[in-house]
All heavy atoms as atom14 arrays in JSON, in Angstrom:
{
  "sequence": "VVVLFIVTVCSIMAPRFLTLNNIMAISRNMSIVG",
  "atom14_mask": [
    [1, 1, 1, 1, 1, 1, 1, 0, 0, 0, 0, 0, 0, 0],
    [1, 1, 1, 1, 1, 1, 1, 0, 0, 0, 0, 0, 0, 0],
    [1, 1, 1, 1, 1, 1, 1, 0, 0, 0, 0, 0, 0, 0],
    [1, 1, 1, 1, 1, 1, 1, 1, 0, 0, 0, 0, 0, 0],
    [1, 1, 1, 1, 1, 1, 1, 1, 1, 1, 1, 0, 0, 0],
    [1, 1, 1, 1, 1, 1, 1, 1, 0, 0, 0, 0, 0, 0],
    [1, 1, 1, 1, 1, 1, 1, 0, 0, 0, 0, 0, 0, 0],
    [1, 1, 1, 1, 1, 1, 1, 0, 0, 0, 0, 0, 0, 0],
    [1, 1, 1, 1, 1, 1, 1, 0, 0, 0, 0, 0, 0, 0],
    [1, 1, 1, 1, 1, 1, 0, 0, 0, 0, 0, 0, 0, 0],
    [1, 1, 1, 1, 1, 1, 0, 0, 0, 0, 0, 0, 0, 0],
    [1, 1, 1, 1, 1, 1, 1, 1, 0, 0, 0, 0, 0, 0],
    [1, 1, 1, 1, 1, 1, 1, 1, 0, 0, 0, 0, 0, 0],
    [1, 1, 1, 1, 1, 0, 0, 0, 0, 0, 0, 0, 0, 0],
    [1, 1, 1, 1, 1, 1, 1, 0, 0, 0, 0, 0, 0, 0],
    [1, 1, 1, 1, 1, 1, 1, 1, 1, 1, 1, 0, 0, 0],
    [1, 1, 1, 1, 1, 1, 1, 1, 1, 1, 1, 0, 0, 0],
    [1, 1, 1, 1, 1, 1, 1, 1, 0, 0, 0, 0, 0, 0],
    [1, 1, 1, 1, 1, 1, 1, 0, 0, 0, 0, 0, 0, 0],
    [1, 1, 1, 1, 1, 1, 1, 1, 0, 0, 0, 0, 0, 0],
    [1, 1, 1, 1, 1, 1, 1, 1, 0, 0, 0, 0, 0, 0],
    [1, 1, 1, 1, 1, 1, 1, 1, 0, 0, 0, 0, 0, 0],
    [1, 1, 1, 1, 1, 1, 1, 1, 0, 0, 0, 0, 0, 0],
    [1, 1, 1, 1, 1, 1, 1, 1, 0, 0, 0, 0, 0, 0],
    [1, 1, 1, 1, 1, 0, 0, 0, 0, 0, 0, 0, 0, 0],
    [1, 1, 1, 1, 1, 1, 1, 1, 0, 0, 0, 0, 0, 0],
    [1, 1, 1, 1, 1, 1, 0, 0, 0, 0, 0, 0, 0, 0],
    [1, 1, 1, 1, 1, 1, 1, 1, 1, 1, 1, 0, 0, 0],
    [1, 1, 1, 1, 1, 1, 1, 1, 0, 0, 0, 0, 0, 0],
    [1, 1, 1, 1, 1, 1, 1, 1, 0, 0, 0, 0, 0, 0],
    [1, 1, 1, 1, 1, 1, 0, 0, 0, 0, 0, 0, 0, 0],
    [1, 1, 1, 1, 1, 1, 1, 1, 0, 0, 0, 0, 0, 0],
    [1, 1, 1, 1, 1, 1, 1, 0, 0, 0, 0, 0, 0, 0],
    [1, 1, 1, 1, 0, 0, 0, 0, 0, 0, 0, 0, 0, 0]
  ],
  "atom14_positions": [
    [[71.36, 219.56, 265.64], [71.29, 219.05, 267.05], [69.95, 219.51, 267.64], [69.3, 218.74, 268.38], [72.46, 219.63, 267.81], [72.37, 219.15, 269.32], [73.8, 219.13, 267.26], [0.0, 0.0, 0.0], [0.0, 0.0, 0.0], [0.0, 0.0, 0.0], [0.0, 0.0, 0.0], [0.0, 0.0, 0.0], [0.0, 0.0, 0.0], [0.0, 0.0, 0.0]],
    [[69.53, 220.73, 267.4], [68.29, 221.26, 267.9], [67.11, 220.42, 267.45], [66.23, 220.04, 268.21], [68.09, 222.75, 267.5], [66.72, 223.21, 267.91], [69.13, 223.6, 268.23], [0.0, 0.0, 0.0], [0.0, 0.0, 0.0], [0.0, 0.0, 0.0], [0.0, 0.0, 0.0], [0.0, 0.0, 0.0], [0.0, 0.0, 0.0], [0.0, 0.0, 0.0]],
    [[67.09, 220.07, 266.12], [66.08, 219.25, 265.59], [66.01, 217.87, 266.28], [64.87, 217.38, 266.59], [66.19, 219.1, 264.03], [65.23, 218.07, 263.49], [65.94, 220.43, 263.33], [0.0, 0.0, 0.0], [0.0, 0.0, 0.0], [0.0, 0.0, 0.0], [0.0, 0.0, 0.0], [0.0, 0.0, 0.0], [0.0, 0.0, 0.0], [0.0, 0.0, 0.0]],
    [[67.16, 217.27, 266.41], [67.2, 215.92, 267.06], [66.71, 216.0, 268.5], [66.04, 215.06, 268.99], [68.63, 215.4, 267.04], [69.19, 215.04, 265.67], [70.71, 214.62, 265.71], [68.38, 213.9, 264.99], [0.0, 0.0, 0.0], [0.0, 0.0, 0.0], [0.0, 0.0, 0.0], [0.0, 0.0, 0.0], [0.0, 0.0, 0.0], [0.0, 0.0, 0.0]],
    [[67.05, 217.08, 269.18], [66.61, 217.28, 270.57], [65.08, 217.4, 270.61], [64.42, 216.8, 271.47], [67.24, 218.5, 271.18], [66.73, 218.9, 272.54], [67.12, 218.15, 273.66], [65.88, 219.96, 272.69], [66.6, 218.48, 274.86], [65.41, 220.28, 273.93], [65.74, 219.55, 275.06], [0.0, 0.0, 0.0], [0.0, 0.0, 0.0], [0.0, 0.0, 0.0]],
    [[64.5, 218.2, 269.67], [63.11, 218.39, 269.65], [62.41, 217.1, 269.36], [61.35, 216.72, 269.94], [62.73, 219.49, 268.63], [63.19, 220.83, 269.06], [61.2, 219.48, 268.36], [63.02, 221.95, 268.04], [0.0, 0.0, 0.0], [0.0, 0.0, 0.0], [0.0, 0.0, 0.0], [0.0, 0.0, 0.0], [0.0, 0.0, 0.0], [0.0, 0.0, 0.0]],
    [[62.88, 216.32, 268.43], [62.34, 215.01, 268.0], [62.37, 214.1, 269.23], [61.34, 213.39, 269.53], [63.09, 214.33, 266.87], [62.75, 212.91, 266.68], [62.85, 215.15, 265.6], [0.0, 0.0, 0.0], [0.0, 0.0, 0.0], [0.0, 0.0, 0.0], [0.0, 0.0, 0.0], [0.0, 0.0, 0.0], [0.0, 0.0, 0.0], [0.0, 0.0, 0.0]],
    [[63.45, 214.08, 269.97], [63.56, 213.24, 271.19], [62.5, 213.6, 272.2], [61.81, 212.68, 272.79], [64.95, 213.32, 271.77], [65.92, 212.94, 270.8], [65.06, 212.39, 273.0], [0.0, 0.0, 0.0], [0.0, 0.0, 0.0], [0.0, 0.0, 0.0], [0.0, 0.0, 0.0], [0.0, 0.0, 0.0], [0.0, 0.0, 0.0], [0.0, 0.0, 0.0]],
    [[62.4, 214.88, 272.51], [61.41, 215.39, 273.51], [59.99, 215.05, 273.09], [59.2, 214.56, 273.85], [61.58, 216.9, 273.74], [60.4, 217.42, 274.59], [62.92, 217.21, 274.34], [0.0, 0.0, 0.0], [0.0, 0.0, 0.0], [0.0, 0.0, 0.0], [0.0, 0.0, 0.0], [0.0, 0.0, 0.0], [0.0, 0.0, 0.0], [0.0, 0.0, 0.0]],
    [[59.67, 215.28, 271.75], [58.32, 215.0, 271.26], [57.97, 213.54, 271.34], [56.85, 213.16, 271.6], [58.18, 215.55, 269.86], [58.21, 217.34, 269.69], [0.0, 0.0, 0.0], [0.0, 0.0, 0.0], [0.0, 0.0, 0.0], [0.0, 0.0, 0.0], [0.0, 0.0, 0.0], [0.0, 0.0, 0.0], [0.0, 0.0, 0.0], [0.0, 0.0, 0.0]],
    [[59.0, 212.68, 271.0], [58.72, 211.26, 271.03], [58.5, 210.7, 272.51], [57.74, 209.7, 272.7], [59.91, 210.46, 270.41], [61.14, 210.7, 271.16], [0.0, 0.0, 0.0], [0.0, 0.0, 0.0], [0.0, 0.0, 0.0], [0.0, 0.0, 0.0], [0.0, 0.0, 0.0], [0.0, 0.0, 0.0], [0.0, 0.0, 0.0], [0.0, 0.0, 0.0]],
    [[59.06, 211.45, 273.48], [58.77, 211.06, 274.87], [57.37, 211.58, 275.26], [56.63, 210.83, 275.93], [59.84, 211.71, 275.8], [61.22, 211.06, 275.54], [59.45, 211.53, 277.26], [62.4, 211.74, 276.2], [0.0, 0.0, 0.0], [0.0, 0.0, 0.0], [0.0, 0.0, 0.0], [0.0, 0.0, 0.0], [0.0, 0.0, 0.0], [0.0, 0.0, 0.0]],
    [[57.03, 212.8, 274.87], [55.76, 213.33, 275.19], [54.56, 212.61, 274.51], [53.51, 212.46, 275.12], [55.74, 214.82, 274.8], [56.65, 215.73, 275.58], [56.78, 217.38, 274.87], [55.06, 217.98, 275.06], [0.0, 0.0, 0.0], [0.0, 0.0, 0.0], [0.0, 0.0, 0.0], [0.0, 0.0, 0.0], [0.0, 0.0, 0.0], [0.0, 0.0, 0.0]],
    [[54.84, 212.19, 273.25], [53.74, 211.48, 272.56], [54.39, 210.25, 271.8], [55.02, 210.48, 270.72], [53.12, 212.4, 271.55], [0.0, 0.0, 0.0], [0.0, 0.0, 0.0], [0.0, 0.0, 0.0], [0.0, 0.0, 0.0], [0.0, 0.0, 0.0], [0.0, 0.0, 0.0], [0.0, 0.0, 0.0], [0.0, 0.0, 0.0], [0.0, 0.0, 0.0]],
    [[54.25, 209.1, 272.34], [54.89, 207.91, 271.72], [54.5, 207.7, 270.27], [55.25, 207.14, 269.5], [54.37, 206.76, 272.58], [54.07, 207.38, 273.94], [53.58, 208.78, 273.62], [0.0, 0.0, 0.0], [0.0, 0.0, 0.0], [0.0, 0.0, 0.0], [0.0, 0.0, 0.0], [0.0, 0.0, 0.0], [0.0, 0.0, 0.0], [0.0, 0.0, 0.0]],
    [[53.29, 208.15, 269.87], [52.86, 207.98, 268.46], [53.6, 208.93, 267.52], [53.45, 208.8, 266.28], [51.35, 208.26, 268.39], [50.45, 207.25, 269.03], [48.97, 207.52, 268.82], [48.58, 208.77, 269.42], [48.14, 209.84, 268.72], [48.09, 209.79, 267.48], [47.77, 210.94, 269.35], [0.0, 0.0, 0.0], [0.0, 0.0, 0.0], [0.0, 0.0, 0.0]],
    [[54.29, 209.9, 268.07], [55.02, 210.9, 267.23], [56.0, 210.21, 266.35], [56.12, 210.57, 265.2], [55.62, 211.97, 268.13], [56.47, 212.86, 267.35], [55.93, 213.98, 266.63], [57.84, 212.73, 267.29], [56.74, 214.87, 265.91], [58.68, 213.59, 266.6], [58.12, 214.65, 265.92], [0.0, 0.0, 0.0], [0.0, 0.0, 0.0], [0.0, 0.0, 0.0]],
    [[56.8, 209.33, 266.92], [57.95, 208.81, 266.16], [57.61, 207.51, 265.41], [58.25, 206.53, 265.51], [59.12, 208.54, 267.08], [60.52, 208.57, 266.47], [60.82, 209.97, 265.83], [61.61, 208.28, 267.55], [0.0, 0.0, 0.0], [0.0, 0.0, 0.0], [0.0, 0.0, 0.0], [0.0, 0.0, 0.0], [0.0, 0.0, 0.0], [0.0, 0.0, 0.0]],
    [[56.53, 207.66, 264.66], [56.14, 206.54, 263.75], [56.38, 206.94, 262.29], [56.37, 208.19, 262.02], [54.67, 206.17, 263.93], [53.85, 207.3, 263.6], [54.36, 205.73, 265.34], [0.0, 0.0, 0.0], [0.0, 0.0, 0.0], [0.0, 0.0, 0.0], [0.0, 0.0, 0.0], [0.0, 0.0, 0.0], [0.0, 0.0, 0.0], [0.0, 0.0, 0.0]],
    [[56.64, 206.01, 261.42], [56.95, 206.39, 260.06], [55.86, 207.18, 259.4], [56.07, 208.09, 258.74], [57.26, 205.02, 259.28], [57.68, 205.24, 257.85], [58.95, 206.06, 257.74], [57.85, 203.87, 257.13], [0.0, 0.0, 0.0], [0.0, 0.0, 0.0], [0.0, 0.0, 0.0], [0.0, 0.0, 0.0], [0.0, 0.0, 0.0], [0.0, 0.0, 0.0]],
    [[54.63, 206.68, 259.61], [53.46, 207.38, 258.97], [53.41, 208.84, 259.41], [53.1, 209.72, 258.58], [52.19, 206.66, 259.29], [52.02, 205.38, 258.52], [52.71, 205.15, 257.51], [51.18, 204.47, 259.07], [0.0, 0.0, 0.0], [0.0, 0.0, 0.0], [0.0, 0.0, 0.0], [0.0, 0.0, 0.0], [0.0, 0.0, 0.0], [0.0, 0.0, 0.0]],
    [[53.59, 209.09, 260.69], [53.53, 210.44, 261.22], [54.63, 211.31, 260.69], [54.42, 212.45, 260.33], [53.5, 210.44, 262.77], [53.16, 211.78, 263.32], [52.17, 212.35, 262.98], [54.05, 212.3, 264.17], [0.0, 0.0, 0.0], [0.0, 0.0, 0.0], [0.0, 0.0, 0.0], [0.0, 0.0, 0.0], [0.0, 0.0, 0.0], [0.0, 0.0, 0.0]],
    [[55.86, 210.82, 260.66], [56.98, 211.55, 260.2], [56.83, 211.87, 258.67], [57.11, 213.0, 258.25], [58.33, 210.75, 260.41], [58.55, 210.55, 261.9], [59.46, 211.51, 259.69], [58.8, 211.91, 262.66], [0.0, 0.0, 0.0], [0.0, 0.0, 0.0], [0.0, 0.0, 0.0], [0.0, 0.0, 0.0], [0.0, 0.0, 0.0], [0.0, 0.0, 0.0]],
    [[56.29, 210.9, 257.95], [56.09, 211.18, 256.57], [54.98, 212.15, 256.28], [54.97, 212.95, 255.37], [55.79, 209.87, 255.78], [56.91, 208.91, 255.65], [58.34, 209.65, 254.77], [59.46, 210.01, 256.09], [0.0, 0.0, 0.0], [0.0, 0.0, 0.0], [0.0, 0.0, 0.0], [0.0, 0.0, 0.0], [0.0, 0.0, 0.0], [0.0, 0.0, 0.0]],
    [[53.97, 212.15, 257.18], [52.86, 213.09, 257.08], [53.35, 214.53, 257.37], [52.99, 215.45, 256.65], [51.75, 212.72, 258.05], [0.0, 0.0, 0.0], [0.0, 0.0, 0.0], [0.0, 0.0, 0.0], [0.0, 0.0, 0.0], [0.0, 0.0, 0.0], [0.0, 0.0, 0.0], [0.0, 0.0, 0.0], [0.0, 0.0, 0.0], [0.0, 0.0, 0.0]],
    [[54.22, 214.66, 258.4], [54.82, 215.98, 258.66], [55.61, 216.46, 257.45], [55.54, 217.6, 257.02], [55.75, 215.86, 259.88], [54.91, 215.6, 261.14], [56.52, 217.13, 260.06], [55.78, 215.31, 262.37], [0.0, 0.0, 0.0], [0.0, 0.0, 0.0], [0.0, 0.0, 0.0], [0.0, 0.0, 0.0], [0.0, 0.0, 0.0], [0.0, 0.0, 0.0]],
    [[56.4, 215.52, 256.86], [57.29, 215.89, 255.74], [56.48, 216.28, 254.55], [56.81, 217.28, 253.83], [58.13, 214.7, 255.38], [58.96, 214.28, 256.46], [0.0, 0.0, 0.0], [0.0, 0.0, 0.0], [0.0, 0.0, 0.0], [0.0, 0.0, 0.0], [0.0, 0.0, 0.0], [0.0, 0.0, 0.0], [0.0, 0.0, 0.0], [0.0, 0.0, 0.0]],
    [[55.32, 215.58, 254.22], [54.53, 215.95, 253.1], [53.9, 217.33, 253.29], [53.94, 218.14, 252.38], [53.43, 214.87, 252.98], [52.6, 215.07, 251.71], [51.35, 214.17, 251.65], [51.68, 212.81, 251.69], [52.06, 212.04, 250.68], [52.05, 212.64, 249.45], [52.32, 210.8, 250.74], [0.0, 0.0, 0.0], [0.0, 0.0, 0.0], [0.0, 0.0, 0.0]],
    [[53.39, 217.59, 254.49], [52.71, 218.86, 254.73], [53.66, 220.05, 254.7], [53.32, 221.12, 254.16], [51.96, 218.84, 256.1], [50.79, 217.83, 256.07], [50.22, 217.55, 255.0], [50.5, 217.27, 257.27], [0.0, 0.0, 0.0], [0.0, 0.0, 0.0], [0.0, 0.0, 0.0], [0.0, 0.0, 0.0], [0.0, 0.0, 0.0], [0.0, 0.0, 0.0]],
    [[54.83, 219.9, 255.25], [55.76, 220.96, 255.32], [56.56, 221.23, 254.07], [57.23, 222.29, 253.9], [56.73, 220.82, 256.5], [56.03, 220.96, 257.84], [55.06, 222.49, 258.05], [56.31, 223.79, 257.77], [0.0, 0.0, 0.0], [0.0, 0.0, 0.0], [0.0, 0.0, 0.0], [0.0, 0.0, 0.0], [0.0, 0.0, 0.0], [0.0, 0.0, 0.0]],
    [[56.56, 220.29, 253.13], [57.29, 220.46, 251.89], [56.74, 221.62, 251.06], [57.49, 222.27, 250.31], [57.18, 219.17, 251.02], [57.8, 218.12, 251.69], [0.0, 0.0, 0.0], [0.0, 0.0, 0.0], [0.0, 0.0, 0.0], [0.0, 0.0, 0.0], [0.0, 0.0, 0.0], [0.0, 0.0, 0.0], [0.0, 0.0, 0.0], [0.0, 0.0, 0.0]],
    [[55.41, 221.92, 251.22], [54.85, 223.06, 250.47], [55.38, 224.39, 250.94], [55.89, 225.14, 250.2], [53.32, 222.95, 250.52], [52.83, 221.64, 249.93], [52.67, 224.13, 249.88], [51.41, 221.27, 250.38], [0.0, 0.0, 0.0], [0.0, 0.0, 0.0], [0.0, 0.0, 0.0], [0.0, 0.0, 0.0], [0.0, 0.0, 0.0], [0.0, 0.0, 0.0]],
    [[55.26, 224.6, 252.22], [55.83, 225.82, 252.82], [57.32, 225.79, 252.65], [57.95, 226.82, 252.46], [55.44, 225.93, 254.33], [56.23, 227.04, 254.99], [53.98, 226.19, 254.46], [0.0, 0.0, 0.0], [0.0, 0.0, 0.0], [0.0, 0.0, 0.0], [0.0, 0.0, 0.0], [0.0, 0.0, 0.0], [0.0, 0.0, 0.0], [0.0, 0.0, 0.0]],
    [[57.91, 224.63, 252.7], [59.36, 224.47, 252.53], [59.89, 224.96, 251.21], [60.89, 225.6, 251.1], [0.0, 0.0, 0.0], [0.0, 0.0, 0.0], [0.0, 0.0, 0.0], [0.0, 0.0, 0.0], [0.0, 0.0, 0.0], [0.0, 0.0, 0.0], [0.0, 0.0, 0.0], [0.0, 0.0, 0.0], [0.0, 0.0, 0.0], [0.0, 0.0, 0.0]]
  ]
}
């Protein structure tokens, strides 16, 4: 629920945030530390 809330807030603050390319870029970068 916290993650969904943060995603919602970020998408309002930056409309470019919730694009497929950006979400996949986040996922690729964090998979290493993950």
